[in-house]
Structure formats: C-alpha cells, structure tokens
Amino acid sequence: MPLKPPAYGPAVEAFWREPADALLCRLDTQRCGLRQQEAEKRLARIGPNLAEPSGTRSILQKIVHRLVNPLIAILIVAAAVSGFSGDLASFVIITLVVGLSLTLDIVQEHARRSPPMRCDARLPSRPMSFAMAQSSRCR
C-alpha cells in the first residue's frame, strides 16, 4: 500500500474515533512504531515531517484580523453607542479595554514568534541511559 499524505477531510479529522488496530493497519505501522528501515523508506518517499512556517502579517493586518472578532466588534459597537449617547465614561473605558487588549495580543504574538533566548545551561557530561519497555509484539 503506497503511503502518501492524505487529503484533509472528515476521515482525517476524526482519526481518534477509529479503533487503534484499524488505524495502525491503515497507516501500515505497529504500536511500537516503525522499524528503522521502514522509517528511512518513508522519509525518502514522503519527506521529513516539518511544520511549514506561517507567513508573517503586517501590524495593520494583525489589527484588522482581531477587529473582525465578534466580541471585539460588539465592544466597538457598544463604545460607539456610548459615545453617540453622550456617555463619555463608558466610551473611554470600552475604548481603553479594546485598545489594551489589541496591544497586548499583538505584543504577545510578536514575542511568541521571536527566536527563543539562548540558554547557557550545561548538560551532564556523562552519558545517561533510559530503560525502555519493549512489547513482545514489536520484535
């Protein structure tokens, strides 16, 4: 059975509903994973399992993306109604809350996308070994 990346759809999205043995059979694998040779074959045939970086958006695109959020839109309408009705205090409070929320959201997203800080922690110099539980079905 040739392996190729499946198309997205209800069958792929609901893989957790499939019995484990049927899923393992469909993926042509075992509970303990692939053997080294099979993993190398699939790597050559399918390629590495890498996440593609998402495209970066401008600040304006990020703001517009957040403004179409229904909750933010409701707050903007509430601020507009407050402003037109003369309730200046409510208008200022709602506007500040929305502005601070957008600012915090964009700053946090930018920090999350930045490369991680370098850690100077040292790893132990002696090799460590871990006992692995082997299933008799995987040999």
N, C-alpha and C. Protein backbone atom coordinates (compact mmCIF):
# COMPACT_ATOMS: atom_id res chain seq x y z
N MET A 1 0.84 -1.17 0.00
CA MET A 1 0.00 0.00 0.00
C MET A 1 0.89 1.24 0.00
N PRO A 2 0.85 2.05 -1.07
CA PRO A 2 1.70 3.23 -1.11
C PRO A 2 1.20 4.29 -0.13
N LEU A 3 2.14 4.87 0.57
CA LEU A 3 1.79 5.91 1.53
C LEU A 3 1.95 7.27 0.89
N LYS A 4 0.95 8.07 1.01
CA LYS A 4 1.05 9.45 0.58
C LYS A 4 0.25 10.28 1.57
N PRO A 5 0.59 11.54 1.72
CA PRO A 5 -0.16 12.35 2.66
C PRO A 5 -1.63 12.40 2.26
N PRO A 6 -2.54 12.07 3.18
CA PRO A 6 -3.95 12.05 2.83
C PRO A 6 -4.50 13.47 2.68
N ALA A 7 -5.56 13.57 1.91
CA ALA A 7 -6.24 14.86 1.79
C ALA A 7 -7.01 15.11 3.08
N TYR A 8 -7.11 16.36 3.44
CA TYR A 8 -7.85 16.69 4.65
C TYR A 8 -9.33 16.51 4.39
N GLY A 9 -10.03 16.06 5.38
CA GLY A 9 -11.47 15.86 5.28
C GLY A 9 -11.97 15.21 6.55
N PRO A 10 -13.25 14.85 6.57
CA PRO A 10 -13.82 14.26 7.79
C PRO A 10 -13.11 13.00 8.25
N ALA A 11 -12.63 12.17 7.32
CA ALA A 11 -11.97 10.93 7.71
C ALA A 11 -10.65 11.21 8.43
N VAL A 12 -9.92 12.19 7.97
CA VAL A 12 -8.65 12.54 8.59
C VAL A 12 -8.88 13.26 9.90
N GLU A 13 -9.85 14.14 9.93
CA GLU A 13 -10.09 14.92 11.13
C GLU A 13 -10.62 14.07 12.28
N ALA A 14 -11.27 12.95 11.99
CA ALA A 14 -11.87 12.13 13.04
C ALA A 14 -11.08 10.84 13.26
N PHE A 15 -9.75 10.91 13.11
CA PHE A 15 -8.95 9.69 13.26
C PHE A 15 -9.06 9.12 14.66
N TRP A 16 -9.33 9.93 15.66
CA TRP A 16 -9.41 9.46 17.04
C TRP A 16 -10.63 8.59 17.28
N ARG A 17 -11.61 8.63 16.38
CA ARG A 17 -12.79 7.79 16.53
C ARG A 17 -12.55 6.38 16.00
N GLU A 18 -11.53 6.22 15.22
CA GLU A 18 -11.21 4.93 14.61
C GLU A 18 -10.55 4.03 15.65
N PRO A 19 -10.90 2.74 15.68
CA PRO A 19 -10.23 1.82 16.62
C PRO A 19 -8.72 1.81 16.36
N ALA A 20 -7.95 1.67 17.42
CA ALA A 20 -6.49 1.76 17.32
C ALA A 20 -5.93 0.75 16.33
N ASP A 21 -6.40 -0.50 16.38
CA ASP A 21 -5.87 -1.51 15.48
C ASP A 21 -6.17 -1.19 14.02
N ALA A 22 -7.36 -0.66 13.74
CA ALA A 22 -7.71 -0.30 12.37
C ALA A 22 -6.86 0.88 11.90
N LEU A 23 -6.61 1.85 12.77
CA LEU A 23 -5.78 2.99 12.42
C LEU A 23 -4.35 2.56 12.15
N LEU A 24 -3.81 1.68 13.00
CA LEU A 24 -2.45 1.17 12.80
C LEU A 24 -2.35 0.42 11.48
N CYS A 25 -3.38 -0.34 11.15
CA CYS A 25 -3.39 -1.10 9.89
C CYS A 25 -3.43 -0.13 8.70
N ARG A 26 -4.30 0.89 8.80
CA ARG A 26 -4.42 1.86 7.71
C ARG A 26 -3.12 2.62 7.50
N LEU A 27 -2.40 2.91 8.58
CA LEU A 27 -1.14 3.63 8.48
C LEU A 27 0.06 2.71 8.24
N ASP A 28 -0.21 1.42 8.20
CA ASP A 28 0.81 0.41 7.96
C ASP A 28 1.96 0.55 8.98
N THR A 29 1.60 0.50 10.26
CA THR A 29 2.57 0.61 11.33
C THR A 29 2.17 -0.30 12.48
N GLN A 30 2.92 -0.24 13.57
CA GLN A 30 2.65 -1.05 14.75
C GLN A 30 2.57 -0.13 15.97
N ARG A 31 2.13 -0.69 17.09
CA ARG A 31 2.01 0.11 18.32
C ARG A 31 3.37 0.66 18.77
N CYS A 32 4.43 -0.06 18.52
CA CYS A 32 5.75 0.40 18.97
C CYS A 32 6.45 1.28 17.94
N GLY A 33 5.78 1.58 16.83
CA GLY A 33 6.37 2.48 15.84
C GLY A 33 6.94 1.74 14.64
N LEU A 34 7.65 2.46 13.81
CA LEU A 34 8.23 1.91 12.59
C LEU A 34 9.61 1.34 12.87
N ARG A 35 9.97 0.33 12.11
CA ARG A 35 11.34 -0.15 12.16
C ARG A 35 12.21 0.88 11.41
N GLN A 36 13.50 0.86 11.69
CA GLN A 36 14.42 1.85 11.12
C GLN A 36 14.36 1.84 9.59
N GLN A 37 14.37 0.65 8.98
CA GLN A 37 14.36 0.57 7.52
C GLN A 37 13.09 1.19 6.95
N GLU A 38 11.95 0.88 7.57
CA GLU A 38 10.68 1.42 7.08
C GLU A 38 10.63 2.93 7.25
N ALA A 39 11.16 3.42 8.37
CA ALA A 39 11.20 4.87 8.61
C ALA A 39 12.06 5.55 7.54
N GLU A 40 13.18 4.96 7.18
CA GLU A 40 14.05 5.54 6.15
C GLU A 40 13.37 5.53 4.78
N LYS A 41 12.64 4.43 4.47
CA LYS A 41 11.92 4.36 3.20
C LYS A 41 10.86 5.46 3.11
N ARG A 42 10.11 5.61 4.21
CA ARG A 42 9.05 6.62 4.21
C ARG A 42 9.63 8.03 4.17
N LEU A 43 10.75 8.23 4.82
CA LEU A 43 11.40 9.54 4.77
C LEU A 43 11.82 9.87 3.34
N ALA A 44 12.35 8.88 2.63
CA ALA A 44 12.76 9.11 1.24
C ALA A 44 11.54 9.33 0.34
N ARG A 45 10.45 8.59 0.59
CA ARG A 45 9.27 8.66 -0.27
C ARG A 45 8.41 9.89 0.03
N ILE A 46 8.20 10.20 1.31
CA ILE A 46 7.27 11.26 1.69
C ILE A 46 8.00 12.55 2.04
N GLY A 47 9.18 12.43 2.64
CA GLY A 47 9.93 13.61 3.06
C GLY A 47 9.83 13.80 4.56
N PRO A 48 10.56 14.76 5.09
CA PRO A 48 10.57 14.97 6.55
C PRO A 48 9.25 15.55 7.04
N ASN A 49 8.94 15.29 8.28
CA ASN A 49 7.73 15.79 8.92
C ASN A 49 8.03 17.15 9.54
N LEU A 50 8.00 18.18 8.72
CA LEU A 50 8.35 19.52 9.17
C LEU A 50 7.13 20.43 9.10
N ALA A 51 6.99 21.26 10.09
CA ALA A 51 5.93 22.26 10.07
C ALA A 51 6.38 23.41 9.18
N GLU A 52 5.50 23.83 8.31
CA GLU A 52 5.83 24.95 7.44
C GLU A 52 5.62 26.25 8.22
N PRO A 53 6.57 27.15 8.13
CA PRO A 53 6.38 28.42 8.85
C PRO A 53 5.22 29.20 8.26
N SER A 54 4.42 29.77 9.14
CA SER A 54 3.30 30.56 8.66
C SER A 54 3.81 31.91 8.18
N GLY A 55 3.11 32.47 7.26
CA GLY A 55 3.50 33.77 6.73
C GLY A 55 3.35 34.85 7.77
N THR A 56 4.21 35.82 7.72
CA THR A 56 4.12 36.91 8.67
C THR A 56 3.13 37.95 8.14
N ARG A 57 2.45 38.61 9.06
CA ARG A 57 1.48 39.63 8.70
C ARG A 57 1.97 40.98 9.21
N SER A 58 1.55 42.02 8.53
CA SER A 58 1.90 43.36 8.98
C SER A 58 1.08 43.70 10.22
N ILE A 59 1.48 44.75 10.90
CA ILE A 59 0.76 45.21 12.09
C ILE A 59 -0.69 45.53 11.73
N LEU A 60 -0.89 46.19 10.59
CA LEU A 60 -2.24 46.56 10.17
C LEU A 60 -3.10 45.32 9.94
N GLN A 61 -2.53 44.30 9.29
CA GLN A 61 -3.27 43.05 9.07
C GLN A 61 -3.62 42.38 10.39
N LYS A 62 -2.71 42.41 11.36
CA LYS A 62 -2.98 41.81 12.66
C LYS A 62 -4.12 42.53 13.37
N ILE A 63 -4.11 43.85 13.30
CA ILE A 63 -5.17 44.63 13.95
C ILE A 63 -6.52 44.34 13.29
N VAL A 64 -6.56 44.36 11.96
CA VAL A 64 -7.81 44.10 11.25
C VAL A 64 -8.31 42.68 11.55
N HIS A 65 -7.39 41.73 11.61
CA HIS A 65 -7.76 40.35 11.92
C HIS A 65 -8.43 40.26 13.29
N ARG A 66 -7.94 41.02 14.24
CA ARG A 66 -8.52 41.00 15.59
C ARG A 66 -9.82 41.80 15.67
N LEU A 67 -9.95 42.83 14.86
CA LEU A 67 -11.16 43.65 14.89
C LEU A 67 -12.38 42.91 14.35
N VAL A 68 -12.17 41.90 13.52
CA VAL A 68 -13.31 41.14 13.00
C VAL A 68 -13.76 40.06 13.97
N ASN A 69 -13.09 39.93 15.08
CA ASN A 69 -13.52 39.03 16.15
C ASN A 69 -14.89 39.52 16.64
N PRO A 70 -15.89 38.64 16.72
CA PRO A 70 -17.24 39.09 17.11
C PRO A 70 -17.28 39.82 18.46
N LEU A 71 -16.52 39.36 19.44
CA LEU A 71 -16.54 40.02 20.74
C LEU A 71 -15.98 41.44 20.65
N ILE A 72 -14.90 41.60 19.92
CA ILE A 72 -14.31 42.94 19.74
C ILE A 72 -15.28 43.83 18.97
N ALA A 73 -15.93 43.27 17.95
CA ALA A 73 -16.89 44.05 17.17
C ALA A 73 -18.05 44.51 18.05
N ILE A 74 -18.53 43.65 18.93
CA ILE A 74 -19.61 44.04 19.85
C ILE A 74 -19.15 45.16 20.77
N LEU A 75 -17.93 45.06 21.26
CA LEU A 75 -17.40 46.12 22.13
C LEU A 75 -17.25 47.44 21.38
N ILE A 76 -16.84 47.37 20.14
CA ILE A 76 -16.69 48.60 19.34
C ILE A 76 -18.06 49.24 19.12
N VAL A 77 -19.07 48.42 18.83
CA VAL A 77 -20.43 48.95 18.66
C VAL A 77 -20.91 49.56 19.97
N ALA A 78 -20.63 48.88 21.10
CA ALA A 78 -21.04 49.41 22.41
C ALA A 78 -20.34 50.75 22.68
N ALA A 79 -19.07 50.85 22.32
CA ALA A 79 -18.35 52.12 22.51
C ALA A 79 -18.95 53.21 21.64
N ALA A 80 -19.31 52.87 20.40
CA ALA A 80 -19.91 53.86 19.50
C ALA A 80 -21.26 54.33 20.04
N VAL A 81 -22.09 53.39 20.51
CA VAL A 81 -23.39 53.75 21.07
C VAL A 81 -23.19 54.64 22.30
N SER A 82 -22.24 54.28 23.15
CA SER A 82 -21.97 55.09 24.34
C SER A 82 -21.52 56.49 23.95
N GLY A 83 -20.66 56.58 22.95
CA GLY A 83 -20.17 57.89 22.51
C GLY A 83 -21.27 58.75 21.94
N PHE A 84 -22.14 58.17 21.09
CA PHE A 84 -23.22 58.95 20.48
C PHE A 84 -24.30 59.33 21.49
N SER A 85 -24.46 58.52 22.53
CA SER A 85 -25.49 58.83 23.53
C SER A 85 -24.98 59.80 24.59
N GLY A 86 -23.71 60.14 24.53
CA GLY A 86 -23.17 61.10 25.47
C GLY A 86 -22.57 60.50 26.73
N ASP A 87 -22.50 59.17 26.81
CA ASP A 87 -21.91 58.52 27.99
C ASP A 87 -20.40 58.41 27.76
N LEU A 88 -19.72 59.51 28.03
CA LEU A 88 -18.29 59.61 27.75
C LEU A 88 -17.46 58.63 28.56
N ALA A 89 -17.84 58.40 29.82
CA ALA A 89 -17.07 57.49 30.69
C ALA A 89 -17.08 56.07 30.11
N SER A 90 -18.25 55.58 29.70
CA SER A 90 -18.34 54.22 29.13
C SER A 90 -17.55 54.13 27.82
N PHE A 91 -17.67 55.19 27.01
CA PHE A 91 -16.93 55.22 25.74
C PHE A 91 -15.43 55.09 25.99
N VAL A 92 -14.90 55.85 26.93
CA VAL A 92 -13.46 55.85 27.21
C VAL A 92 -13.04 54.49 27.78
N ILE A 93 -13.82 53.96 28.70
CA ILE A 93 -13.46 52.67 29.32
C ILE A 93 -13.45 51.55 28.28
N ILE A 94 -14.49 51.47 27.47
CA ILE A 94 -14.57 50.40 26.46
C ILE A 94 -13.44 50.56 25.44
N THR A 95 -13.18 51.78 25.01
CA THR A 95 -12.12 52.03 24.04
C THR A 95 -10.75 51.65 24.61
N LEU A 96 -10.51 51.99 25.88
CA LEU A 96 -9.24 51.62 26.51
C LEU A 96 -9.10 50.10 26.63
N VAL A 97 -10.16 49.43 27.03
CA VAL A 97 -10.10 47.97 27.18
C VAL A 97 -9.80 47.32 25.83
N VAL A 98 -10.49 47.73 24.78
CA VAL A 98 -10.25 47.16 23.45
C VAL A 98 -8.84 47.49 22.98
N GLY A 99 -8.41 48.72 23.16
CA GLY A 99 -7.06 49.12 22.73
C GLY A 99 -5.97 48.36 23.47
N LEU A 100 -6.11 48.25 24.79
CA LEU A 100 -5.12 47.49 25.56
C LEU A 100 -5.13 46.01 25.19
N SER A 101 -6.31 45.46 24.97
CA SER A 101 -6.41 44.05 24.58
C SER A 101 -5.71 43.80 23.25
N LEU A 102 -5.96 44.66 22.27
CA LEU A 102 -5.31 44.51 20.96
C LEU A 102 -3.79 44.65 21.08
N THR A 103 -3.36 45.64 21.84
CA THR A 103 -1.92 45.87 22.01
C THR A 103 -1.25 44.68 22.67
N LEU A 104 -1.84 44.20 23.76
CA LEU A 104 -1.27 43.05 24.47
C LEU A 104 -1.24 41.82 23.59
N ASP A 105 -2.32 41.59 22.83
CA ASP A 105 -2.39 40.43 21.96
C ASP A 105 -1.30 40.47 20.89
N ILE A 106 -1.09 41.62 20.28
CA ILE A 106 -0.08 41.74 19.22
C ILE A 106 1.33 41.63 19.80
N VAL A 107 1.57 42.23 20.95
CA VAL A 107 2.90 42.13 21.57
C VAL A 107 3.20 40.68 21.95
N GLN A 108 2.22 39.98 22.51
CA GLN A 108 2.45 38.59 22.88
C GLN A 108 2.69 37.72 21.65
N GLU A 109 1.95 37.97 20.57
CA GLU A 109 2.17 37.19 19.34
C GLU A 109 3.56 37.45 18.80
N HIS A 110 4.00 38.69 18.83
CA HIS A 110 5.35 39.02 18.34
C HIS A 110 6.41 38.32 19.19
N ALA A 111 6.22 38.32 20.51
CA ALA A 111 7.20 37.67 21.39
C ALA A 111 7.22 36.17 21.17
N ARG A 112 6.07 35.59 20.88
CA ARG A 112 5.99 34.15 20.65
C ARG A 112 6.70 33.76 19.35
N ARG A 113 6.67 34.64 18.36
CA ARG A 113 7.30 34.33 17.08
C ARG A 113 8.78 34.65 17.05
N SER A 114 9.27 35.38 18.05
CA SER A 114 10.69 35.70 18.11
C SER A 114 11.48 34.45 18.45
N PRO A 115 12.73 34.36 18.02
CA PRO A 115 13.54 33.20 18.36
C PRO A 115 13.72 33.10 19.88
N PRO A 116 13.77 31.88 20.40
CA PRO A 116 13.92 31.74 21.84
C PRO A 116 15.26 32.28 22.33
N MET A 117 15.29 32.67 23.59
CA MET A 117 16.53 33.17 24.17
C MET A 117 17.51 32.01 24.33
N ARG A 118 18.78 32.32 24.23
CA ARG A 118 19.82 31.30 24.37
C ARG A 118 19.95 30.90 25.83
N CYS A 119 20.03 29.62 26.05
CA CYS A 119 20.18 29.12 27.41
C CYS A 119 21.60 28.60 27.56
N ASP A 120 22.28 29.03 28.60
CA ASP A 120 23.65 28.61 28.82
C ASP A 120 23.76 27.44 29.80
N ALA A 121 22.67 26.75 30.02
CA ALA A 121 22.71 25.61 30.94
C ALA A 121 23.58 24.50 30.35
N ARG A 122 24.30 23.85 31.18
CA ARG A 122 25.18 22.76 30.75
C ARG A 122 24.51 21.41 31.00
N LEU A 123 24.66 20.53 30.03
CA LEU A 123 24.13 19.18 30.17
C LEU A 123 25.16 18.32 30.89
N PRO A 124 24.71 17.25 31.54
CA PRO A 124 25.67 16.36 32.20
C PRO A 124 26.67 15.80 31.19
N SER A 125 27.92 15.67 31.62
CA SER A 125 28.96 15.20 30.70
C SER A 125 28.97 13.69 30.56
N ARG A 126 28.37 12.98 31.51
CA ARG A 126 28.37 11.52 31.39
C ARG A 126 27.11 11.06 30.66
N PRO A 127 27.23 10.00 29.86
CA PRO A 127 26.05 9.53 29.13
C PRO A 127 25.00 8.96 30.09
N MET A 128 23.75 9.16 29.73
CA MET A 128 22.66 8.62 30.53
C MET A 128 21.94 7.56 29.71
N SER A 129 21.48 6.55 30.38
CA SER A 129 20.71 5.52 29.68
C SER A 129 19.33 5.44 30.31
N PHE A 130 18.37 5.13 29.48
CA PHE A 130 16.99 5.02 29.94
C PHE A 130 16.49 3.63 29.59
N ALA A 131 15.84 2.99 30.52
CA ALA A 131 15.25 1.69 30.27
C ALA A 131 13.99 1.88 29.45
N MET A 132 13.86 1.16 28.37
CA MET A 132 12.69 1.27 27.51
C MET A 132 11.89 -0.03 27.62
N ALA A 133 10.63 0.09 27.82
CA ALA A 133 9.76 -1.07 27.87
C ALA A 133 9.55 -1.58 26.47
N GLN A 134 9.82 -2.84 26.24
CA GLN A 134 9.66 -3.44 24.93
C GLN A 134 8.45 -4.37 24.94
N SER A 135 7.63 -4.25 23.96
CA SER A 135 6.49 -5.14 23.83
C SER A 135 6.94 -6.33 22.98
N SER A 136 6.47 -7.51 23.34
CA SER A 136 6.87 -8.70 22.61
C SER A 136 6.30 -8.66 21.19
N ARG A 137 5.23 -7.90 20.97
CA ARG A 137 4.64 -7.84 19.63
C ARG A 137 5.46 -6.98 18.69
N CYS A 138 6.40 -6.21 19.18
CA CYS A 138 7.14 -5.29 18.33
C CYS A 138 8.48 -5.84 17.87
N ARG A 139 8.77 -7.03 18.17
CA ARG A 139 10.08 -7.57 17.79
C ARG A 139 10.03 -8.29 16.49
